[in-house]
PDB file of all heavy atoms in Angstrom:
ATOM      1  N   SER A   1       0.838  -1.194   0.000  1.00  0.00           N
ATOM      2  CA  SER A   1       0.000   0.000   0.000  1.00  0.00           C
ATOM      3  C   SER A   1       0.873   1.243   0.000  1.00  0.00           C
ATOM      4  O   SER A   1       2.038   1.201   0.419  1.00  0.00           O
ATOM      5  CB  SER A   1      -0.938   0.012   1.219  1.00  0.00           C
ATOM      6  OG  SER A   1      -0.201  -0.028   2.425  1.00  0.00           O
ATOM      7  N   VAL A   2       0.309   2.338  -0.472  1.00  0.00           N
ATOM      8  CA  VAL A   2       1.036   3.596  -0.620  1.00  0.00           C
ATOM      9  C   VAL A   2       0.262   4.714   0.053  1.00  0.00           C
ATOM     10  O   VAL A   2      -0.968   4.795  -0.069  1.00  0.00           O
ATOM     11  CB  VAL A   2       1.232   3.944  -2.115  1.00  0.00           C
ATOM     12  CG1 VAL A   2       1.976   5.270  -2.271  1.00  0.00           C
ATOM     13  CG2 VAL A   2       1.970   2.836  -2.836  1.00  0.00           C
ATOM     14  N   ILE A   3       0.979   5.547   0.788  1.00  0.00           N
ATOM     15  CA  ILE A   3       0.403   6.768   1.346  1.00  0.00           C
ATOM     16  C   ILE A   3       1.152   7.935   0.722  1.00  0.00           C
ATOM     17  O   ILE A   3       2.370   8.042   0.840  1.00  0.00           O
ATOM     18  CB  ILE A   3       0.547   6.819   2.879  1.00  0.00           C
ATOM     19  CG1 ILE A   3      -0.198   5.653   3.532  1.00  0.00           C
ATOM     20  CG2 ILE A   3       0.030   8.154   3.418  1.00  0.00           C
ATOM     21  CD1 ILE A   3       0.070   5.524   5.025  1.00  0.00           C
ATOM     22  N   CYS A   4       0.431   8.786   0.037  1.00  0.00           N
ATOM     23  CA  CYS A   4       1.025   9.954  -0.603  1.00  0.00           C
ATOM     24  C   CYS A   4       0.778  11.164   0.306  1.00  0.00           C
ATOM     25  O   CYS A   4      -0.375  11.529   0.573  1.00  0.00           O
ATOM     26  CB  CYS A   4       0.395  10.172  -1.979  1.00  0.00           C
ATOM     27  SG  CYS A   4       1.158  11.503  -2.928  1.00  0.00           S
ATOM     28  N   LEU A   5       1.865  11.756   0.799  1.00  0.00           N
ATOM     29  CA  LEU A   5       1.787  12.816   1.795  1.00  0.00           C
ATOM     30  C   LEU A   5       2.315  14.130   1.246  1.00  0.00           C
ATOM     31  O   LEU A   5       3.354  14.161   0.591  1.00  0.00           O
ATOM     32  CB  LEU A   5       2.606  12.416   3.032  1.00  0.00           C
ATOM     33  CG  LEU A   5       2.561  13.356   4.237  1.00  0.00           C
ATOM     34  CD1 LEU A   5       1.222  13.204   4.967  1.00  0.00           C
ATOM     35  CD2 LEU A   5       3.716  13.059   5.203  1.00  0.00           C
ATOM     36  N   ASN A   6       1.592  15.203   1.506  1.00  0.00           N
ATOM     37  CA  ASN A   6       2.092  16.547   1.258  1.00  0.00           C
ATOM     38  C   ASN A   6       1.535  17.446   2.357  1.00  0.00           C
ATOM     39  O   ASN A   6       0.630  18.243   2.151  1.00  0.00           O
ATOM     40  CB  ASN A   6       1.696  17.058  -0.118  1.00  0.00           C
ATOM     41  CG  ASN A   6       2.456  18.322  -0.505  1.00  0.00           C
ATOM     42  OD1 ASN A   6       3.479  18.645   0.107  1.00  0.00           O
ATOM     43  ND2 ASN A   6       1.965  19.051  -1.485  1.00  0.00           N
ATOM     44  N   ARG A   7       2.026  17.186   3.580  1.00  0.00           N
ATOM     45  CA  ARG A   7       1.550  17.778   4.836  1.00  0.00           C
ATOM     46  C   ARG A   7       0.215  17.180   5.276  1.00  0.00           C
ATOM     47  O   ARG A   7      -0.069  17.087   6.461  1.00  0.00           O
ATOM     48  CB  ARG A   7       1.466  19.304   4.760  1.00  0.00           C
ATOM     49  CG  ARG A   7       2.808  19.952   4.448  1.00  0.00           C
ATOM     50  CD  ARG A   7       2.761  21.455   4.624  1.00  0.00           C
ATOM     51  NE  ARG A   7       4.030  22.049   4.225  1.00  0.00           N
ATOM     52  CZ  ARG A   7       4.311  23.337   4.293  1.00  0.00           C
ATOM     53  NH1 ARG A   7       3.401  24.178   4.753  1.00  0.00           N
ATOM     54  NH2 ARG A   7       5.473  23.777   3.898  1.00  0.00           N
ATOM     55  N   HIS A   8      -0.608  16.787   4.325  1.00  0.00           N
ATOM     56  CA  HIS A   8      -1.813  16.004   4.608  1.00  0.00           C
ATOM     57  C   HIS A   8      -1.768  14.772   3.700  1.00  0.00           C
ATOM     58  O   HIS A   8      -0.942  14.692   2.795  1.00  0.00           O
ATOM     59  CB  HIS A   8      -3.077  16.826   4.334  1.00  0.00           C
ATOM     60  CG  HIS A   8      -3.257  17.178   2.896  1.00  0.00           C
ATOM     61  ND1 HIS A   8      -2.554  18.202   2.278  1.00  0.00           N
ATOM     62  CD2 HIS A   8      -4.032  16.618   1.923  1.00  0.00           C
ATOM     63  CE1 HIS A   8      -2.898  18.278   1.005  1.00  0.00           C
ATOM     64  NE2 HIS A   8      -3.791  17.320   0.758  1.00  0.00           N
ATOM     65  N   VAL A   9      -2.630  13.804   3.961  1.00  0.00           N
ATOM     66  CA  VAL A   9      -2.684  12.620   3.112  1.00  0.00           C
ATOM     67  C   VAL A   9      -3.444  12.973   1.839  1.00  0.00           C
ATOM     68  O   VAL A   9      -4.659  13.201   1.871  1.00  0.00           O
ATOM     69  CB  VAL A   9      -3.346  11.432   3.830  1.00  0.00           C
ATOM     70  CG1 VAL A   9      -3.486  10.249   2.875  1.00  0.00           C
ATOM     71  CG2 VAL A   9      -2.528  11.027   5.056  1.00  0.00           C
ATOM     72  N   CYS A  10      -2.708  13.047   0.733  1.00  0.00           N
ATOM     73  CA  CYS A  10      -3.326  13.405  -0.551  1.00  0.00           C
ATOM     74  C   CYS A  10      -4.148  12.243  -1.103  1.00  0.00           C
ATOM     75  O   CYS A  10      -5.246  12.441  -1.650  1.00  0.00           O
ATOM     76  CB  CYS A  10      -2.255  13.775  -1.569  1.00  0.00           C
ATOM     77  SG  CYS A  10      -1.180  15.117  -1.059  1.00  0.00           S
ATOM     78  N   CYS A  11      -3.603  11.030  -0.990  1.00  0.00           N
ATOM     79  CA  CYS A  11      -4.287   9.831  -1.459  1.00  0.00           C
ATOM     80  C   CYS A  11      -3.598   8.628  -0.855  1.00  0.00           C
ATOM     81  O   CYS A  11      -2.461   8.717  -0.388  1.00  0.00           O
ATOM     82  CB  CYS A  11      -4.309   9.746  -2.985  1.00  0.00           C
ATOM     83  SG  CYS A  11      -2.667   9.817  -3.765  1.00  0.00           S
ATOM     84  N   HIS A  12      -4.269   7.507  -0.854  1.00  0.00           N
ATOM     85  CA  HIS A  12      -3.669   6.281  -0.334  1.00  0.00           C
ATOM     86  C   HIS A  12      -4.393   5.082  -0.931  1.00  0.00           C
ATOM     87  O   HIS A  12      -5.508   5.182  -1.423  1.00  0.00           O
ATOM     88  CB  HIS A  12      -3.749   6.236   1.201  1.00  0.00           C
ATOM     89  CG  HIS A  12      -5.152   6.195   1.736  1.00  0.00           C
ATOM     90  ND1 HIS A  12      -5.817   5.018   1.990  1.00  0.00           N
ATOM     91  CD2 HIS A  12      -6.017   7.193   2.056  1.00  0.00           C
ATOM     92  CE1 HIS A  12      -7.032   5.289   2.453  1.00  0.00           C
ATOM     93  NE2 HIS A  12      -7.178   6.604   2.489  1.00  0.00           N
ATOM     94  N   GLY A  13      -3.730   3.942  -0.910  1.00  0.00           N
ATOM     95  CA  GLY A  13      -4.316   2.723  -1.456  1.00  0.00           C
ATOM     96  C   GLY A  13      -3.233   1.848  -2.059  1.00  0.00           C
ATOM     97  O   GLY A  13      -2.043   2.030  -1.786  1.00  0.00           O
ATOM     98  N   ASN A  14      -3.634   0.885  -2.901  1.00  0.00           N
ATOM     99  CA  ASN A  14      -2.622   0.044  -3.533  1.00  0.00           C
ATOM    100  C   ASN A  14      -1.907   0.845  -4.623  1.00  0.00           C
ATOM    101  O   ASN A  14      -2.379   1.897  -5.054  1.00  0.00           O
ATOM    102  CB  ASN A  14      -3.248  -1.248  -4.079  1.00  0.00           C
ATOM    103  CG  ASN A  14      -4.271  -0.997  -5.159  1.00  0.00           C
ATOM    104  OD1 ASN A  14      -4.051  -0.216  -6.082  1.00  0.00           O
ATOM    105  ND2 ASN A  14      -5.409  -1.660  -5.079  1.00  0.00           N
ATOM    106  N   PRO A  15      -0.734   0.380  -5.081  1.00  0.00           N
ATOM    107  CA  PRO A  15       0.050   1.163  -6.046  1.00  0.00           C
ATOM    108  C   PRO A  15      -0.707   1.516  -7.314  1.00  0.00           C
ATOM    109  O   PRO A  15      -0.581   2.633  -7.821  1.00  0.00           O
ATOM    110  CB  PRO A  15       1.243   0.245  -6.352  1.00  0.00           C
ATOM    111  CG  PRO A  15       1.387  -0.586  -5.129  1.00  0.00           C
ATOM    112  CD  PRO A  15      -0.003  -0.825  -4.622  1.00  0.00           C
ATOM    113  N   GLU A  16      -1.491   0.574  -7.826  1.00  0.00           N
ATOM    114  CA  GLU A  16      -2.230   0.835  -9.062  1.00  0.00           C
ATOM    115  C   GLU A  16      -3.219   1.982  -8.883  1.00  0.00           C
ATOM    116  O   GLU A  16      -3.364   2.842  -9.764  1.00  0.00           O
ATOM    117  CB  GLU A  16      -2.964  -0.428  -9.516  1.00  0.00           C
ATOM    118  CG  GLU A  16      -2.050  -1.547  -9.977  1.00  0.00           C
ATOM    119  CD  GLU A  16      -1.528  -2.397  -8.822  1.00  0.00           C
ATOM    120  OE1 GLU A  16      -1.806  -2.049  -7.648  1.00  0.00           O
ATOM    121  OE2 GLU A  16      -0.843  -3.398  -9.089  1.00  0.00           O
ATOM    122  N   HIS A  17      -3.880   2.007  -7.733  1.00  0.00           N
ATOM    123  CA  HIS A  17      -4.864   3.066  -7.464  1.00  0.00           C
ATOM    124  C   HIS A  17      -4.176   4.422  -7.311  1.00  0.00           C
ATOM    125  O   HIS A  17      -4.572   5.414  -7.930  1.00  0.00           O
ATOM    126  CB  HIS A  17      -5.660   2.730  -6.204  1.00  0.00           C
ATOM    127  CG  HIS A  17      -6.505   3.857  -5.695  1.00  0.00           C
ATOM    128  ND1 HIS A  17      -7.706   4.201  -6.281  1.00  0.00           N
ATOM    129  CD2 HIS A  17      -6.310   4.732  -4.673  1.00  0.00           C
ATOM    130  CE1 HIS A  17      -8.226   5.243  -5.632  1.00  0.00           C
ATOM    131  NE2 HIS A  17      -7.390   5.579  -4.667  1.00  0.00           N
ATOM    132  N   VAL A  18      -3.118   4.452  -6.485  1.00  0.00           N
ATOM    133  CA  VAL A  18      -2.444   5.722  -6.201  1.00  0.00           C
ATOM    134  C   VAL A  18      -1.803   6.305  -7.451  1.00  0.00           C
ATOM    135  O   VAL A  18      -1.838   7.516  -7.676  1.00  0.00           O
ATOM    136  CB  VAL A  18      -1.394   5.535  -5.082  1.00  0.00           C
ATOM    137  CG1 VAL A  18      -0.501   6.761  -4.950  1.00  0.00           C
ATOM    138  CG2 VAL A  18      -2.081   5.243  -3.760  1.00  0.00           C
ATOM    139  N   SER A  19      -1.223   5.443  -8.303  1.00  0.00           N
ATOM    140  CA  SER A  19      -0.503   5.935  -9.475  1.00  0.00           C
ATOM    141  C   SER A  19      -1.402   6.623 -10.487  1.00  0.00           C
ATOM    142  O   SER A  19      -0.912   7.338 -11.369  1.00  0.00           O
ATOM    143  CB  SER A  19       0.247   4.785 -10.157  1.00  0.00           C
ATOM    144  OG  SER A  19      -0.665   3.829 -10.675  1.00  0.00           O
ATOM    145  N   THR A  20      -2.720   6.435 -10.380  1.00  0.00           N
ATOM    146  CA  THR A  20      -3.655   7.097 -11.295  1.00  0.00           C
ATOM    147  C   THR A  20      -4.510   8.154 -10.590  1.00  0.00           C
ATOM    148  O   THR A  20      -5.367   8.778 -11.219  1.00  0.00           O
ATOM    149  CB  THR A  20      -4.597   6.063 -11.944  1.00  0.00           C
ATOM    150  OG1 THR A  20      -5.325   5.355 -10.930  1.00  0.00           O
ATOM    151  CG2 THR A  20      -3.805   5.069 -12.782  1.00  0.00           C
ATOM    152  N   ASP A  21      -4.253   8.345  -9.278  1.00  0.00           N
ATOM    153  CA  ASP A  21      -5.036   9.324  -8.522  1.00  0.00           C
ATOM    154  C   ASP A  21      -4.636  10.737  -8.951  1.00  0.00           C
ATOM    155  O   ASP A  21      -3.457  11.045  -9.094  1.00  0.00           O
ATOM    156  CB  ASP A  21      -4.793   9.129  -7.023  1.00  0.00           C
ATOM    157  CG  ASP A  21      -5.741   9.955  -6.179  1.00  0.00           C
ATOM    158  OD1 ASP A  21      -5.530  11.194  -6.082  1.00  0.00           O
ATOM    159  OD2 ASP A  21      -6.693   9.385  -5.619  1.00  0.00           O
ATOM    160  N   PRO A  22      -5.609  11.638  -9.171  1.00  0.00           N
ATOM    161  CA  PRO A  22      -5.292  13.013  -9.584  1.00  0.00           C
ATOM    162  C   PRO A  22      -4.343  13.735  -8.635  1.00  0.00           C
ATOM    163  O   PRO A  22      -3.494  14.518  -9.080  1.00  0.00           O
ATOM    164  CB  PRO A  22      -6.665  13.693  -9.620  1.00  0.00           C
ATOM    165  CG  PRO A  22      -7.633  12.573  -9.887  1.00  0.00           C
ATOM    166  CD  PRO A  22      -7.075  11.391  -9.154  1.00  0.00           C
ATOM    167  N   ALA A  23      -4.477  13.471  -7.327  1.00  0.00           N
ATOM    168  CA  ALA A  23      -3.594  14.141  -6.368  1.00  0.00           C
ATOM    169  C   ALA A  23      -2.151  13.689  -6.540  1.00  0.00           C
ATOM    170  O   ALA A  23      -1.217  14.495  -6.458  1.00  0.00           O
ATOM    171  CB  ALA A  23      -4.066  13.844  -4.941  1.00  0.00           C
ATOM    172  N   TYR A  24      -1.955  12.413  -6.806  1.00  0.00           N
ATOM    173  CA  TYR A  24      -0.617  11.871  -7.059  1.00  0.00           C
ATOM    174  C   TYR A  24      -0.037  12.470  -8.340  1.00  0.00           C
ATOM    175  O   TYR A  24       1.111  12.903  -8.381  1.00  0.00           O
ATOM    176  CB  TYR A  24      -0.693  10.348  -7.154  1.00  0.00           C
ATOM    177  CG  TYR A  24       0.554   9.687  -7.689  1.00  0.00           C
ATOM    178  CD1 TYR A  24       1.616   9.372  -6.845  1.00  0.00           C
ATOM    179  CD2 TYR A  24       0.677   9.378  -9.043  1.00  0.00           C
ATOM    180  CE1 TYR A  24       2.764   8.770  -7.334  1.00  0.00           C
ATOM    181  CE2 TYR A  24       1.821   8.771  -9.540  1.00  0.00           C
ATOM    182  CZ  TYR A  24       2.858   8.468  -8.682  1.00  0.00           C
ATOM    183  OH  TYR A  24       3.988   7.888  -9.181  1.00  0.00           O
TER     184      TYR A  24
END
C-alpha cells in the first residue's frame, strides 16, 4: 500500500490506485 503525503494525506491505497489518482 502507498500513502502519498504533502503535509496532509493526498491519497492512499494500492500502487495501481495511487498511481492514477489526480492528487498523485
